[in-house]
Amino acid sequence: MTSPTVIEQEPREVFPPTLREVMLRPRWLALLAFSLVVAGVLAWLGQWQLGRAVDTAPAEPGQTEIVQPLADVAQPGAYLPEPLVGQRVEASGRWIAPDFLVVSSRFNDDVEGYWVTGQLRLDGTAVPTSIAVALGWTRDASAAERAAQTLRAQAEADPDAVVAVTGRLISDEGPGRPPAGADPQTMTRMSPAALLGRWTDIDGVSVYRPYITSQTAIGPLDAIDSPAPDERSRVNWLNIFYAAEWAIFAGFALYLWYRLARDAWEKEVEDLEDAEADAAGAAPSTSA
């Protein structure tokens, strides 16, 4: 008996998708929309940094050399803006007698020495307000201590004496640890915050974050070398660097979407090729 003829059906050829077809799928379009939002935010941050990189209203040359009232330049507790660092100011008040303290590691014309500092209780303020003042410099520690003692005695003898101080307004250097083996009370940085911890009569007192370096020596001290600050450049290169970083991050967000979509496409093509190879290897041979 003749066996019935078996009609073999040719397998349908499956064409792999193109990269464009994969990218146009809803999943990848949604991810593209999210990547565009992220890139837009990063681009906005870059534009914001770029806008801050150029000072469109720089201070007039020599502005820091015009003496201004302290209250017109800074407020108690507030940080000193960079354009105002080194601004010459004037203030008046009375010294708090016990609070003449010595700060070491101070340099005058590259010579290391000491500052004598004091707490100046300002006049004409609504609430009691003080500012730290660097009164003068000496290269010898014992001379600095003697000067501090002399100033304490003078302030105790006439506690209501009003003094006027003119000098540069400088930002807080921040507290620092004393050198190894030194007296724990040693101060190596000019920090009103650190001085505040050792001042007396500070209940309810507002304190300025910056301090004043007196332009003339007060007491048996040498004047502090405090030159005018350098004129600032109108371009802040650090902000330009940050703006470039944000632009790179924005580009990376879009590249990451492309790379993920391409990886998915390549995997799909490889899976189809593997499936076709498996199907060809498992196809039965035809018999006569």
Protein backbone atom coordinates (compact mmCIF):
# COMPACT_ATOMS: atom_id res chain seq x y z
CA MET A 1 0.00 0.00 0.00
CA THR A 2 1.27 3.35 -0.92
CA SER A 3 1.60 5.74 1.98
CA PRO A 4 -0.16 9.07 1.60
CA THR A 5 1.95 11.91 0.37
CA VAL A 6 3.03 14.22 3.16
CA ILE A 7 3.04 17.83 2.13
CA GLU A 8 5.71 19.63 4.13
CA GLN A 9 5.07 23.29 4.94
CA GLU A 10 8.02 25.63 4.61
CA PRO A 11 8.67 27.47 7.88
CA ARG A 12 7.68 31.13 7.79
CA GLU A 13 10.72 33.39 7.71
CA VAL A 14 10.83 35.83 10.61
CA PHE A 15 12.65 39.09 10.00
CA PRO A 16 14.34 40.70 13.02
CA PRO A 17 13.17 44.21 13.96
CA THR A 18 15.23 47.23 13.13
CA LEU A 19 16.68 49.48 15.81
CA ARG A 20 14.21 52.18 14.78
CA GLU A 21 11.27 49.83 15.27
CA VAL A 22 12.45 48.94 18.76
CA MET A 23 12.94 52.61 19.68
CA LEU A 24 9.38 53.42 18.54
CA ARG A 25 7.79 50.91 20.87
CA PRO A 26 5.67 52.45 23.69
CA ARG A 27 8.06 51.26 26.40
CA TRP A 28 11.06 52.98 24.87
CA LEU A 29 9.11 56.09 23.91
CA ALA A 30 8.03 56.45 27.55
CA LEU A 31 11.62 56.01 28.69
CA LEU A 32 12.71 58.60 26.09
CA ALA A 33 10.18 61.08 27.48
CA PHE A 34 11.55 60.52 30.99
CA SER A 35 15.15 60.93 29.73
CA LEU A 36 14.19 64.20 28.02
CA VAL A 37 12.71 65.50 31.27
CA VAL A 38 15.89 64.57 33.17
CA ALA A 39 18.08 66.10 30.47
CA GLY A 40 15.96 69.27 30.51
CA VAL A 41 16.37 69.66 34.28
CA LEU A 42 20.13 69.11 34.02
CA ALA A 43 20.36 71.59 31.13
CA TRP A 44 18.46 74.17 33.21
CA LEU A 45 20.93 73.65 36.07
CA GLY A 46 23.78 74.18 33.63
CA GLN A 47 22.19 77.39 32.37
CA TRP A 48 21.70 78.56 35.96
CA GLN A 49 25.36 77.93 36.76
CA LEU A 50 26.40 79.70 33.58
CA GLY A 51 24.29 82.71 34.52
CA ARG A 52 26.12 82.90 37.85
CA ALA A 53 29.54 82.54 36.19
CA VAL A 54 29.62 86.11 34.91
CA ASP A 55 29.19 89.00 37.31
CA THR A 56 27.11 91.52 35.38
CA ALA A 57 27.35 94.13 38.15
CA PRO A 58 30.87 93.95 39.60
CA ALA A 59 31.90 96.26 42.40
CA GLU A 60 33.55 99.45 41.29
CA PRO A 61 37.37 99.38 41.50
CA GLY A 62 38.52 100.65 44.88
CA GLN A 63 35.08 100.19 46.44
CA THR A 64 36.55 98.25 49.37
CA GLU A 65 38.73 101.26 50.25
CA ILE A 66 35.77 103.53 50.93
CA VAL A 67 35.08 103.40 54.66
CA GLN A 68 31.45 102.50 55.37
CA PRO A 69 29.48 102.06 58.60
CA LEU A 70 29.62 98.46 59.77
CA ALA A 71 25.81 98.17 59.89
CA ASP A 72 25.62 99.11 56.17
CA VAL A 73 27.94 96.26 55.16
CA ALA A 74 26.94 93.27 57.29
CA GLN A 75 24.43 92.17 59.88
CA PRO A 76 24.96 90.16 63.08
CA GLY A 77 24.90 86.42 62.52
CA ALA A 78 25.01 86.73 58.72
CA TYR A 79 27.76 85.43 56.47
CA LEU A 80 29.88 88.03 54.69
CA PRO A 81 29.34 88.00 50.90
CA GLU A 82 32.53 87.49 48.93
CA PRO A 83 32.48 90.93 47.22
CA LEU A 84 32.52 92.56 50.68
CA VAL A 85 35.48 90.62 52.10
CA GLY A 86 38.14 93.20 52.93
CA GLN A 87 35.72 96.13 52.92
CA ARG A 88 36.90 98.96 55.16
CA VAL A 89 34.35 99.73 57.86
CA GLU A 90 34.03 101.88 60.93
CA ALA A 91 32.39 101.06 64.25
CA SER A 92 32.31 102.48 67.75
CA GLY A 93 31.63 100.98 71.14
CA ARG A 94 33.30 99.94 74.36
CA TRP A 95 35.66 97.11 75.16
CA ILE A 96 34.60 94.22 77.36
CA ALA A 97 37.54 94.19 79.77
CA PRO A 98 38.13 90.45 80.40
CA ASP A 99 37.92 89.51 76.71
CA PHE A 100 41.29 90.57 75.31
CA LEU A 101 42.62 87.26 73.97
CA VAL A 102 45.67 86.17 71.97
CA VAL A 103 45.53 84.34 68.63
CA SER A 104 48.72 82.73 67.34
CA SER A 105 49.97 81.84 63.84
CA ARG A 106 49.42 85.39 62.55
CA PHE A 107 51.75 86.71 59.86
CA ASN A 108 52.90 90.25 59.19
CA ASP A 109 55.04 90.57 56.06
CA ASP A 110 55.69 86.78 56.20
CA VAL A 111 56.84 87.00 59.83
CA GLU A 112 54.89 84.73 62.17
CA GLY A 113 53.55 86.24 65.36
CA TYR A 114 50.45 86.90 67.44
CA TRP A 115 47.32 89.02 67.37
CA VAL A 116 45.66 90.52 70.41
CA THR A 117 41.89 90.53 69.94
CA GLY A 118 39.01 92.07 71.84
CA GLN A 119 35.23 92.09 72.10
CA LEU A 120 33.82 95.44 71.02
CA ARG A 121 30.27 96.04 72.33
CA LEU A 122 28.76 98.30 69.69
CA ASP A 123 26.90 101.52 70.34
CA GLY A 124 23.57 102.47 68.82
CA THR A 125 22.12 98.98 68.41
CA ALA A 126 18.59 97.91 69.36
CA VAL A 127 19.90 94.81 71.12
CA PRO A 128 23.37 94.30 72.65
CA THR A 129 25.71 93.49 69.74
CA SER A 130 29.41 92.67 69.63
CA ILE A 131 32.08 92.15 67.00
CA ALA A 132 35.55 90.66 67.34
CA VAL A 133 38.42 93.05 66.60
CA ALA A 134 42.05 92.23 65.93
CA LEU A 135 43.81 95.15 67.61
CA GLY A 136 47.44 94.60 66.61
CA TRP A 137 50.34 92.22 66.04
CA THR A 138 53.54 91.26 67.79
CA ARG A 139 56.07 88.55 67.04
CA ASP A 140 56.55 87.54 70.69
CA ALA A 141 54.04 85.48 72.69
CA SER A 142 54.95 87.04 76.03
CA ALA A 143 54.66 90.54 74.52
CA ALA A 144 51.18 89.63 73.23
CA GLU A 145 50.11 88.45 76.69
CA ARG A 146 51.48 91.62 78.32
CA ALA A 147 49.64 93.76 75.78
CA ALA A 148 46.40 91.88 76.50
CA GLN A 149 46.86 92.43 80.22
CA THR A 150 47.52 96.14 79.68
CA LEU A 151 44.39 96.52 77.58
CA ARG A 152 42.32 94.66 80.18
CA ALA A 153 43.56 97.01 82.89
CA GLN A 154 42.76 100.09 80.80
CA ALA A 155 39.25 98.83 80.01
CA GLU A 156 38.61 97.98 83.67
CA ALA A 157 39.77 101.44 84.73
CA ASP A 158 37.29 103.13 82.34
CA PRO A 159 34.65 100.56 81.28
CA ASP A 160 32.38 103.20 79.71
CA ALA A 161 35.05 104.70 77.45
CA VAL A 162 33.82 104.80 73.86
CA VAL A 163 36.37 103.91 71.18
CA ALA A 164 36.15 104.20 67.41
CA VAL A 165 37.65 101.44 65.25
CA THR A 166 38.34 101.54 61.53
CA GLY A 167 39.61 98.50 59.67
CA ARG A 168 38.88 95.73 57.20
CA LEU A 169 35.96 93.35 57.61
CA ILE A 170 37.20 89.75 57.20
CA SER A 171 35.32 86.44 57.08
CA ASP A 172 35.51 83.97 59.97
CA GLU A 173 38.40 81.54 59.47
CA GLY A 174 36.63 78.80 61.40
CA PRO A 175 37.86 77.22 64.63
CA GLY A 176 40.93 74.97 64.65
CA ARG A 177 42.61 72.55 67.02
CA PRO A 178 45.65 73.68 69.00
CA PRO A 179 49.01 72.09 68.07
CA ALA A 180 49.93 68.81 69.72
CA GLY A 181 51.30 69.38 73.23
CA ALA A 182 50.18 73.03 73.32
CA ASP A 183 47.86 74.64 75.85
CA PRO A 184 44.28 73.50 75.01
CA GLN A 185 43.22 77.16 75.14
CA THR A 186 45.62 78.09 72.32
CA MET A 187 43.86 79.61 69.31
CA THR A 188 45.59 79.39 65.93
CA ARG A 189 42.73 80.71 63.79
CA MET A 190 40.84 83.99 63.95
CA SER A 191 37.34 82.69 64.57
CA PRO A 192 34.66 84.81 66.28
CA ALA A 193 32.83 81.53 66.93
CA ALA A 194 35.80 80.24 68.94
CA LEU A 195 36.26 83.59 70.68
CA LEU A 196 32.58 83.62 71.61
CA GLY A 197 33.13 80.44 73.59
CA ARG A 198 35.63 82.29 75.80
CA TRP A 199 34.03 85.73 75.99
CA THR A 200 32.22 86.94 79.11
CA ASP A 201 28.99 88.92 79.36
CA ILE A 202 27.38 87.42 76.24
CA ASP A 203 23.87 86.60 77.47
CA GLY A 204 21.37 87.97 74.96
CA VAL A 205 24.16 89.44 72.81
CA SER A 206 24.12 89.28 69.00
CA VAL A 207 27.53 88.64 67.44
CA TYR A 208 28.91 89.32 63.97
CA ARG A 209 30.32 86.33 62.07
CA PRO A 210 33.13 88.35 60.42
CA TYR A 211 35.71 90.33 62.37
CA ILE A 212 37.55 93.62 61.97
CA THR A 213 41.31 94.01 61.62
CA SER A 214 42.11 97.46 62.96
CA GLN A 215 44.02 99.62 60.48
CA THR A 216 45.96 101.23 63.34
CA ALA A 217 47.55 99.43 66.27
CA ILE A 218 45.68 99.69 69.55
CA GLY A 219 47.83 99.56 72.65
CA PRO A 220 51.51 98.50 72.71
CA LEU A 221 51.31 96.56 69.43
CA ASP A 222 52.34 96.85 65.80
CA ALA A 223 49.78 97.57 63.10
CA ILE A 224 48.39 94.53 61.31
CA ASP A 225 49.43 94.17 57.68
CA SER A 226 46.07 94.07 55.90
CA PRO A 227 46.39 95.12 52.23
CA ALA A 228 43.47 95.81 49.96
CA PRO A 229 41.95 92.67 48.43
CA ASP A 230 42.71 91.89 44.82
CA GLU A 231 40.11 93.02 42.31
CA ARG A 232 37.89 90.05 41.52
CA SER A 233 37.55 88.73 38.00
CA ARG A 234 34.11 89.11 36.43
CA VAL A 235 34.26 85.46 35.34
CA ASN A 236 33.86 82.65 37.86
CA TRP A 237 35.59 79.72 36.18
CA LEU A 238 34.39 77.27 38.82
CA ASN A 239 30.78 78.00 37.88
CA ILE A 240 31.65 77.54 34.20
CA PHE A 241 33.15 74.16 35.04
CA TYR A 242 29.95 73.20 36.88
CA ALA A 243 27.84 74.33 33.91
CA ALA A 244 29.90 72.10 31.61
CA GLU A 245 29.39 69.20 34.01
CA TRP A 246 25.60 69.64 33.93
CA ALA A 247 25.67 69.71 30.11
CA ILE A 248 27.64 66.45 30.09
CA PHE A 249 25.17 64.86 32.50
CA ALA A 250 22.25 65.97 30.28
CA GLY A 251 23.90 64.38 27.25
CA PHE A 252 24.59 61.23 29.22
CA ALA A 253 20.90 60.90 30.14
CA LEU A 254 20.00 60.73 26.42
CA TYR A 255 22.93 58.47 25.61
CA LEU A 256 21.87 56.10 28.37
CA TRP A 257 18.40 55.79 26.78
CA TYR A 258 19.97 55.09 23.39
CA ARG A 259 22.35 52.52 24.85
CA LEU A 260 19.57 50.68 26.71
CA ALA A 261 17.35 50.60 23.60
CA ARG A 262 20.22 49.38 21.44
CA ASP A 263 21.09 46.64 23.96
CA ALA A 264 17.47 45.48 23.97
CA TRP A 265 17.43 45.43 20.16
CA GLU A 266 20.69 43.49 19.94
CA LYS A 267 19.41 40.93 22.46
CA GLU A 268 16.16 40.49 20.52
CA VAL A 269 18.04 39.94 17.26
CA GLU A 270 20.36 37.43 18.91
CA ASP A 271 17.40 35.54 20.41
CA LEU A 272 15.73 35.31 16.97
CA GLU A 273 18.94 34.10 15.35
CA ASP A 274 19.37 31.47 18.09
CA ALA A 275 15.75 30.35 17.65
CA GLU A 276 16.18 30.00 13.89
CA ALA A 277 19.38 28.02 14.37
CA ASP A 278 17.65 25.70 16.85
CA ALA A 279 14.70 25.24 14.46
CA ALA A 280 17.01 24.42 11.53
CA GLY A 281 18.88 21.86 13.61
CA ALA A 282 15.68 20.17 14.76
CA ALA A 283 13.96 20.04 11.30
CA PRO A 284 13.14 16.35 10.25
CA SER A 285 14.79 14.99 7.12
CA THR A 286 12.43 14.22 4.13
CA SER A 287 11.95 10.58 3.08
CA ALA A 288 11.27 9.34 -0.44
